[in-house]
Protein backbone atom coordinates (compact mmCIF):
# COMPACT_ATOMS: atom_id res chain seq x y z
CA UNK A 1 11.20 -0.71 53.90
CA UNK A 2 13.95 -1.42 51.28
CA UNK A 3 16.77 -3.71 50.90
CA UNK A 4 20.46 -2.32 49.95
CA UNK A 5 22.31 -5.09 48.31
CA UNK A 6 26.40 -3.90 48.16
CA UNK A 7 29.26 -6.06 47.11
CA UNK A 8 31.83 -3.64 48.36
CA UNK A 9 34.92 -6.04 47.31
CA UNK A 10 34.02 -4.54 43.19
CA UNK A 11 33.45 -1.00 44.31
CA UNK A 12 36.36 1.75 42.27
CA UNK A 13 35.39 4.23 45.22
CA UNK A 14 34.03 6.95 42.58
CA UNK A 15 31.82 8.43 45.38
CA UNK A 16 28.54 8.53 43.44
CA UNK A 17 26.50 6.70 46.25
CA UNK A 18 28.24 8.91 48.58
CA UNK A 19 26.68 12.24 46.76
CA UNK A 20 23.54 10.58 45.92
CA UNK A 21 22.90 9.18 49.90
CA UNK A 22 24.83 10.96 51.82
CA UNK A 23 22.93 9.47 55.24
CA UNK A 24 23.18 5.70 53.80
CA UNK A 25 26.58 5.98 52.16
CA UNK A 26 30.43 6.76 53.13
CA UNK A 27 33.87 7.29 51.67
CA UNK A 28 36.02 4.64 53.95
CA UNK A 29 39.83 6.63 54.57
CA UNK A 30 40.82 3.05 54.92
CA UNK A 31 40.72 1.71 51.75
CA UNK A 32 38.45 4.55 49.94
CA UNK A 33 36.05 2.13 48.78
CA UNK A 34 32.11 2.84 49.89
CA UNK A 35 30.72 1.87 53.08
CA UNK A 36 26.87 0.94 53.19
CA UNK A 37 25.72 2.38 56.46
CA UNK A 38 24.11 -0.14 59.10
CA UNK A 39 24.84 -3.03 56.98
CA UNK A 40 25.62 -6.10 57.78
CA UNK A 41 28.03 -8.94 55.66
CA UNK A 42 26.56 -12.09 54.48
CA UNK A 43 29.07 -14.01 52.27
CA UNK A 44 30.17 -11.49 49.55
CA UNK A 45 27.50 -8.93 49.83
CA UNK A 46 26.49 -6.26 52.32
CA UNK A 47 22.69 -6.09 53.34
CA UNK A 48 20.85 -2.87 54.66
CA UNK A 49 17.05 -2.24 55.54
CA UNK A 50 16.14 0.98 55.34
CA UNK A 51 12.68 2.77 55.12
CA UNK A 52 10.32 3.54 51.84
CA UNK A 53 11.74 7.57 51.96
CA UNK A 54 15.16 6.36 51.15
CA UNK A 55 14.38 4.61 48.01
CA UNK A 56 14.60 7.43 45.46
CA UNK A 57 18.51 8.18 46.92
CA UNK A 58 19.17 5.08 46.81
CA UNK A 59 17.79 4.19 43.33
CA UNK A 60 19.85 6.91 41.96
CA UNK A 61 22.93 5.65 43.95
CA UNK A 62 22.72 2.37 42.02
CA UNK A 63 21.77 3.85 38.62
CA UNK A 64 25.18 5.93 39.04
CA UNK A 65 27.15 3.27 40.08
CA UNK A 66 29.96 2.89 37.35
CA UNK A 67 30.35 -0.92 37.90
CA UNK A 68 26.23 -1.38 38.94
CA UNK A 69 26.99 -2.97 42.28
CA UNK A 70 24.17 -1.59 44.14
CA UNK A 71 20.57 -3.58 43.84
CA UNK A 72 17.47 -2.41 45.65
CA UNK A 73 14.74 -4.71 46.30
CA UNK A 74 11.22 -3.36 47.77
CA UNK A 75 10.31 -5.78 51.24
């Protein structure tokens, strides 16, 4: 299992995460920022738990994020 940690407030809406992992990320029509699908909000962070099969796609999303607001952890 992996934990995806995302700081949505700092998102600039560049779409890099949605391009890397369409099944975990999408852009909001309201404000243009990315949404971490199936996440819960804790303070200023959005956190989702995913299977190991999503590691590579979300690693690419984190690496391509220009503001570096996506972190991954093995659980």
